[in-house]
Amino acid sequence: MSKVSLFSGLNNLRDIRVSAEYSALCGYTEADLERVFAPELDGLDRDQMRAWYNGYSWTGEAVYNPFDVLLLFKERDFRPWWFETATPTFLVDFLTERHTYLPRLEHLVTNEQLLSAFDVDRIATEALLFQAGYLTIDAVRRVGAFIQYRLRYPNLEVRAALNGALLDRLGGGAAEIPMQTGRLYDLLLANDFAGLDALFTAFFASIPHDWYRNNPIARYEGYYASVFYAYVASLGLDLTPEEISNAGRLDMALRFNDQVYLFEFKVVELAPDGGALAQLKERGYAERYRGGGEPIHLIGVEFSRERRCVVGFAVETLGG
């Protein structure tokens, strides 16, 4: 129920959900691990622990998921322990039915009112994801009389596992998905761009025609870009979707194996053929990366929603 009601006797409660004073109430801090679990930390990579299980924030110190940490100490293996306790079928259904553009989940913005919403039939996407623990607070900003929150995935576990579940749904449950995901990693490692083109062409071809016919989600503009993003995000790589610069908004940037991959996606029924790579070059998206000395790969990917496949995959490499 809501904490505030005209006739309720409970309308003077203090809401501590986003109070910095209590931000560590529901998780383990770094100090907790050092003080209580020091013997268990031996042999574990602390940076890897932070990447996998830390990052939950309620405007104060970031904390670890206790469930994950305790199972890590027991099993000595990095896995999505919390996510595996139950497949979030409702959440996956919710996001797909709303035609959620998955890259945008990395930087949603909301306010205090949305984070207090409880009516599941009308709840905003960002409010549900925050309340369910799949997004956490990244930054706080006062805008006039209101407080604005920027949200993000808390850690590698949530980002990779949730996008893996969404990929399965967006791909119609195609049996080839696990094998193709591993293949994607190997192709990126080898910079085999022809292989990447073939991989994604094969993926869309593997989706059953009945699934396309019965799911209008495949018709919305962001479907193909969401699938591509979910594929990469499920690997847990260093990914920045919808990166904003003075040149505009890049669809996706990936740092991997000491290289930079810049992606632009187009649906050919909505844009001219060849437009994806041309836009990457015309807007100079690579300029901000040139000082790093890393090879930069511009990759324009074009989809046809009528043919349900990749129809253009153009690559140009700068530097290296």
Protein backbone atom coordinates (compact mmCIF):
# COMPACT_ATOMS: atom_id res chain seq x y z
CA MET A 1 0.00 0.00 0.00
CA SER A 2 1.04 3.62 -0.35
CA LYS A 3 2.60 5.23 2.71
CA VAL A 4 0.43 8.34 2.27
CA SER A 5 -3.37 8.45 2.39
CA LEU A 6 -5.83 11.17 3.33
CA PHE A 7 -7.38 9.11 6.12
CA SER A 8 -4.52 6.75 6.95
CA GLY A 9 -2.91 6.66 10.36
CA LEU A 10 0.40 5.75 8.70
CA ASN A 11 1.03 8.98 6.82
CA ASN A 12 3.86 10.19 9.07
CA LEU A 13 6.28 7.36 8.39
CA ARG A 14 9.86 8.14 7.36
CA ASP A 15 10.80 6.61 4.01
CA ILE A 16 14.45 5.50 4.24
CA ARG A 17 14.72 3.75 0.86
CA VAL A 18 16.93 6.46 -0.62
CA SER A 19 18.45 7.76 2.58
CA ALA A 20 22.28 7.77 2.49
CA GLU A 21 22.29 7.08 6.24
CA TYR A 22 20.70 3.66 5.69
CA SER A 23 22.08 2.85 2.25
CA ALA A 24 24.09 -0.13 3.50
CA LEU A 25 21.24 -1.68 5.48
CA CYS A 26 20.45 -4.47 3.01
CA GLY A 27 23.89 -5.41 1.72
CA TYR A 28 27.53 -6.01 2.62
CA THR A 29 29.99 -3.12 2.44
CA GLU A 30 33.69 -3.46 1.70
CA ALA A 31 34.33 -2.98 5.41
CA ASP A 32 31.90 -5.81 6.23
CA LEU A 33 33.83 -8.20 4.00
CA GLU A 34 37.17 -7.25 5.54
CA ARG A 35 35.91 -7.44 9.11
CA VAL A 36 33.58 -10.45 9.03
CA PHE A 37 34.63 -12.55 6.05
CA ALA A 38 38.39 -12.02 5.85
CA PRO A 39 39.23 -15.79 5.90
CA GLU A 40 36.81 -16.43 3.02
CA LEU A 41 38.41 -13.79 0.78
CA ASP A 42 41.66 -15.69 0.34
CA GLY A 43 42.12 -16.72 -3.28
CA LEU A 44 39.26 -14.61 -4.63
CA ASP A 45 39.82 -11.75 -7.08
CA ARG A 46 38.42 -8.68 -5.30
CA ASP A 47 38.03 -6.66 -8.50
CA GLN A 48 36.05 -9.52 -10.01
CA MET A 49 33.89 -9.69 -6.89
CA ARG A 50 33.08 -5.99 -7.18
CA ALA A 51 32.25 -6.29 -10.86
CA TRP A 52 29.97 -9.27 -10.34
CA TYR A 53 28.15 -8.57 -7.09
CA ASN A 54 28.76 -5.02 -5.81
CA GLY A 55 27.12 -1.84 -7.07
CA TYR A 56 23.71 -1.63 -5.39
CA SER A 57 23.24 1.98 -4.33
CA TRP A 58 20.53 3.93 -2.52
CA THR A 59 22.36 7.29 -2.65
CA GLY A 60 25.05 6.15 -0.20
CA GLU A 61 27.85 3.59 -0.12
CA ALA A 62 27.50 0.85 -2.73
CA VAL A 63 26.95 -2.64 -1.33
CA TYR A 64 27.26 -6.29 -2.33
CA ASN A 65 24.33 -8.67 -2.78
CA PRO A 66 24.58 -10.87 0.37
CA PHE A 67 23.04 -13.91 -1.33
CA ASP A 68 25.66 -13.84 -4.07
CA VAL A 69 28.56 -13.30 -1.70
CA LEU A 70 27.64 -16.17 0.59
CA LEU A 71 27.26 -18.59 -2.31
CA LEU A 72 30.53 -17.36 -3.81
CA PHE A 73 32.29 -18.17 -0.55
CA LYS A 74 30.71 -21.63 -0.57
CA GLU A 75 31.18 -22.55 -4.24
CA ARG A 76 34.31 -20.43 -5.05
CA ASP A 77 32.89 -19.72 -8.51
CA PHE A 78 31.54 -16.54 -10.13
CA ARG A 79 28.02 -17.19 -11.36
CA PRO A 80 24.68 -15.32 -11.36
CA TRP A 81 23.63 -16.95 -8.10
CA TRP A 82 20.87 -14.48 -7.23
CA PHE A 83 19.45 -14.35 -10.75
CA GLU A 84 19.38 -18.15 -10.97
CA THR A 85 17.11 -18.46 -7.91
CA ALA A 86 14.12 -17.76 -10.15
CA THR A 87 13.70 -16.82 -13.80
CA PRO A 88 11.99 -13.39 -13.85
CA THR A 89 9.30 -14.47 -16.33
CA PHE A 90 6.96 -11.66 -15.34
CA LEU A 91 9.67 -9.05 -15.85
CA VAL A 92 10.73 -10.45 -19.24
CA ASP A 93 7.08 -10.51 -20.35
CA PHE A 94 6.60 -6.97 -19.04
CA LEU A 95 9.59 -5.56 -20.94
CA THR A 96 8.82 -7.34 -24.21
CA GLU A 97 5.12 -6.45 -24.17
CA ARG A 98 6.07 -2.79 -23.73
CA HIS A 99 8.49 -3.01 -26.68
CA THR A 100 11.28 -1.81 -24.40
CA TYR A 101 14.35 -0.58 -26.25
CA LEU A 102 16.95 -2.53 -24.29
CA PRO A 103 19.99 -0.23 -24.76
CA ARG A 104 18.04 2.52 -22.98
CA LEU A 105 17.85 0.50 -19.75
CA GLU A 106 21.47 1.49 -19.10
CA HIS A 107 20.59 5.12 -18.39
CA LEU A 108 16.95 5.60 -17.47
CA VAL A 109 15.99 8.75 -15.58
CA THR A 110 13.15 8.94 -13.08
CA ASN A 111 11.89 10.94 -10.11
CA GLU A 112 10.71 10.37 -6.55
CA GLN A 113 7.08 9.83 -7.51
CA LEU A 114 7.88 7.05 -9.97
CA LEU A 115 10.04 5.21 -7.43
CA SER A 116 7.06 5.18 -5.05
CA ALA A 117 4.62 3.65 -7.58
CA PHE A 118 2.96 0.37 -6.59
CA ASP A 119 0.13 -0.17 -9.08
CA VAL A 120 1.63 -2.92 -11.25
CA ASP A 121 -0.91 -2.34 -14.03
CA ARG A 122 0.26 1.24 -14.49
CA ILE A 123 3.77 1.20 -13.08
CA ALA A 124 6.53 2.79 -15.14
CA THR A 125 9.26 0.53 -16.49
CA GLU A 126 12.01 2.27 -14.54
CA ALA A 127 10.02 2.08 -11.29
CA LEU A 128 9.43 -1.66 -11.61
CA LEU A 129 13.06 -2.41 -12.47
CA PHE A 130 14.27 -0.33 -9.53
CA GLN A 131 11.87 -1.86 -7.04
CA ALA A 132 12.65 -5.39 -8.23
CA GLY A 133 16.42 -4.86 -7.83
CA TYR A 134 17.38 -4.94 -11.52
CA LEU A 135 18.32 -1.26 -11.62
CA THR A 136 19.92 0.87 -8.93
CA ILE A 137 20.67 4.56 -8.42
CA ASP A 138 23.64 5.91 -10.33
CA ALA A 139 23.35 9.65 -9.68
CA VAL A 140 21.05 12.17 -8.02
CA ARG A 141 20.24 15.64 -9.32
CA ARG A 142 17.92 18.35 -8.02
CA VAL A 143 15.78 19.87 -10.76
CA GLY A 144 13.87 22.82 -9.31
CA ALA A 145 11.53 21.44 -6.66
CA PHE A 146 12.11 17.81 -7.69
CA ILE A 147 14.84 15.22 -7.25
CA GLN A 148 15.84 13.31 -10.35
CA TYR A 149 17.51 9.89 -10.30
CA ARG A 150 19.63 8.36 -13.03
CA LEU A 151 19.49 4.56 -12.91
CA ARG A 152 21.86 1.82 -14.07
CA TYR A 153 22.43 -1.91 -13.79
CA PRO A 154 24.03 -2.60 -10.41
CA ASN A 155 26.63 -5.08 -11.63
CA LEU A 156 27.78 -7.64 -14.17
CA GLU A 157 25.50 -10.38 -12.84
CA VAL A 158 22.28 -8.45 -13.40
CA ARG A 159 23.27 -6.91 -16.71
CA ALA A 160 24.46 -10.15 -18.29
CA ALA A 161 21.81 -12.48 -16.86
CA LEU A 162 18.81 -10.23 -17.52
CA ASN A 163 19.90 -9.56 -21.09
CA GLY A 164 20.47 -13.28 -21.59
CA ALA A 165 16.87 -13.95 -20.53
CA LEU A 166 15.60 -11.16 -22.76
CA LEU A 167 17.67 -12.43 -25.69
CA ASP A 168 16.01 -15.82 -25.36
CA ARG A 169 12.57 -14.19 -25.50
CA LEU A 170 13.43 -11.82 -28.36
CA GLY A 171 14.91 -14.74 -30.29
CA GLY A 172 11.81 -16.87 -29.95
CA GLY A 173 13.63 -19.38 -27.77
CA ALA A 174 15.88 -20.49 -30.62
CA ALA A 175 17.93 -23.49 -29.47
CA GLU A 176 21.08 -22.12 -31.14
CA ILE A 177 21.34 -19.06 -28.87
CA PRO A 178 23.78 -20.47 -26.24
CA MET A 179 26.16 -21.79 -28.90
CA GLN A 180 25.91 -18.59 -30.94
CA THR A 181 26.66 -16.43 -27.91
CA GLY A 182 29.92 -18.28 -27.31
CA ARG A 183 30.69 -18.00 -31.01
CA LEU A 184 30.16 -14.21 -30.82
CA TYR A 185 32.89 -13.92 -28.18
CA ASP A 186 35.35 -15.90 -30.30
CA LEU A 187 34.59 -13.86 -33.42
CA LEU A 188 35.14 -10.58 -31.57
CA LEU A 189 38.41 -11.92 -30.18
CA ALA A 190 39.57 -12.73 -33.72
CA ASN A 191 38.09 -9.56 -35.30
CA ASP A 192 36.35 -11.84 -37.77
CA PHE A 193 33.80 -9.37 -39.12
CA ALA A 194 32.67 -11.61 -41.96
CA GLY A 195 31.98 -14.23 -39.32
CA LEU A 196 30.00 -11.72 -37.24
CA ASP A 197 27.88 -10.89 -40.28
CA ALA A 198 27.23 -14.59 -40.89
CA LEU A 199 26.49 -15.22 -37.20
CA PHE A 200 23.76 -12.61 -36.96
CA THR A 201 22.31 -13.56 -40.32
CA ALA A 202 22.11 -17.16 -39.10
CA PHE A 203 20.58 -16.10 -35.81
CA PHE A 204 17.64 -14.25 -37.34
CA ALA A 205 17.17 -17.06 -39.84
CA SER A 206 16.91 -19.54 -36.92
CA ILE A 207 13.91 -17.77 -35.36
CA PRO A 208 10.76 -19.81 -36.14
CA HIS A 209 8.37 -18.15 -38.60
CA ASP A 210 5.49 -18.88 -36.24
CA TRP A 211 7.16 -16.75 -33.61
CA TYR A 212 7.36 -13.79 -35.98
CA ARG A 213 3.75 -14.25 -36.98
CA ASN A 214 2.49 -14.37 -33.39
CA ASN A 215 4.69 -11.62 -31.90
CA PRO A 216 4.21 -8.03 -33.04
CA ILE A 217 7.36 -7.10 -31.10
CA ALA A 218 9.40 -8.06 -34.19
CA ARG A 219 7.72 -5.17 -36.03
CA TYR A 220 8.79 -2.36 -33.75
CA GLU A 221 11.72 -0.18 -34.82
CA GLY A 222 14.05 -1.03 -31.95
CA TYR A 223 13.69 -4.81 -32.11
CA TYR A 224 16.81 -5.63 -34.14
CA ALA A 225 19.05 -3.19 -32.27
CA SER A 226 17.73 -4.59 -28.96
CA VAL A 227 18.61 -8.14 -30.05
CA PHE A 228 22.10 -7.09 -31.10
CA TYR A 229 22.62 -5.23 -27.82
CA ALA A 230 21.29 -8.13 -25.70
CA TYR A 231 23.70 -10.49 -27.46
CA VAL A 232 26.74 -8.40 -26.48
CA ALA A 233 25.44 -7.41 -23.04
CA SER A 234 24.82 -11.05 -22.13
CA LEU A 235 28.58 -11.63 -22.47
CA GLY A 236 29.28 -9.06 -19.75
CA LEU A 237 31.68 -6.99 -21.88
CA ASP A 238 32.57 -3.29 -21.45
CA LEU A 239 29.60 -1.86 -23.30
CA THR A 240 28.21 1.67 -23.53
CA PRO A 241 24.86 1.94 -25.34
CA GLU A 242 23.51 5.21 -26.72
CA GLU A 243 26.73 7.08 -25.97
CA ILE A 244 26.18 10.83 -26.21
CA SER A 245 28.77 13.24 -27.63
CA ASN A 246 28.72 16.65 -29.28
CA ALA A 247 28.26 14.80 -32.59
CA GLY A 248 25.03 13.12 -31.54
CA ARG A 249 24.05 9.77 -30.02
CA LEU A 250 26.06 6.68 -30.99
CA ASP A 251 24.03 3.47 -30.84
CA MET A 252 26.66 1.34 -29.10
CA ALA A 253 30.34 1.46 -28.12
CA LEU A 254 32.28 -1.63 -27.06
CA ARG A 255 35.77 -1.82 -25.57
CA PHE A 256 37.22 -5.30 -25.86
CA ASN A 257 40.66 -6.86 -26.22
CA ASP A 258 42.36 -3.42 -26.26
CA GLN A 259 40.22 -2.29 -29.18
CA VAL A 260 37.18 -0.09 -29.71
CA TYR A 261 34.08 -1.10 -31.67
CA LEU A 262 31.54 1.57 -32.59
CA PHE A 263 28.16 0.33 -33.83
CA GLU A 264 25.36 2.10 -35.66
CA PHE A 265 22.10 0.30 -36.46
CA LYS A 266 19.57 1.08 -39.19
CA VAL A 267 16.35 -0.50 -40.45
CA VAL A 268 16.51 -0.18 -44.24
CA GLU A 269 12.77 0.36 -44.58
CA LEU A 270 13.29 3.53 -42.53
CA ALA A 271 16.67 4.73 -43.83
CA PRO A 272 18.67 4.53 -47.09
CA ASP A 273 20.95 1.54 -47.70
CA GLY A 274 24.49 2.20 -46.47
CA GLY A 275 23.28 4.80 -44.00
CA ALA A 276 24.66 3.14 -40.88
CA LEU A 277 28.38 3.29 -41.72
CA ALA A 278 27.95 6.66 -43.43
CA GLN A 279 26.47 8.13 -40.25
CA LEU A 280 29.35 6.82 -38.14
CA LYS A 281 31.82 8.56 -40.43
CA GLU A 282 29.88 11.78 -41.08
CA ARG A 283 29.30 12.47 -37.41
CA GLY A 284 32.89 11.70 -36.41
CA TYR A 285 31.99 9.36 -33.58
CA ALA A 286 35.53 7.97 -33.57
CA GLU A 287 37.19 11.29 -32.73
CA ARG A 288 36.86 10.96 -28.95
CA TYR A 289 38.72 7.61 -29.08
CA ARG A 290 41.64 8.54 -31.32
CA GLY A 291 43.92 9.62 -28.47
CA GLY A 292 43.98 6.15 -26.92
CA GLY A 293 46.09 4.54 -29.62
CA GLU A 294 43.70 1.58 -29.91
CA PRO A 295 42.34 0.29 -33.21
CA ILE A 296 38.84 1.68 -33.80
CA HIS A 297 36.35 -0.35 -35.79
CA LEU A 298 33.35 1.45 -37.29
CA ILE A 299 30.57 -1.09 -37.85
CA GLY A 300 27.33 -0.22 -39.62
CA VAL A 301 24.64 -2.87 -39.29
CA GLU A 302 21.47 -2.74 -41.38
CA PHE A 303 18.37 -4.84 -40.89
CA SER A 304 15.28 -5.48 -42.97
CA ARG A 305 12.13 -6.01 -40.97
CA GLU A 306 10.37 -7.25 -44.10
CA ARG A 307 12.99 -9.92 -44.80
CA ARG A 308 13.72 -10.43 -41.07
CA CYS A 309 17.46 -10.49 -41.45
CA VAL A 310 20.72 -8.57 -41.60
CA VAL A 311 21.05 -7.01 -45.08
CA GLY A 312 24.13 -4.86 -44.55
CA PHE A 313 27.25 -5.26 -42.41
CA ALA A 314 29.94 -2.72 -43.32
CA VAL A 315 33.21 -2.28 -41.40
CA GLU A 316 35.97 0.32 -41.56
CA THR A 317 39.00 0.22 -39.25
CA LEU A 318 40.94 3.30 -38.14
CA GLY A 319 44.42 3.15 -36.60
CA GLY A 320 46.01 0.05 -35.10
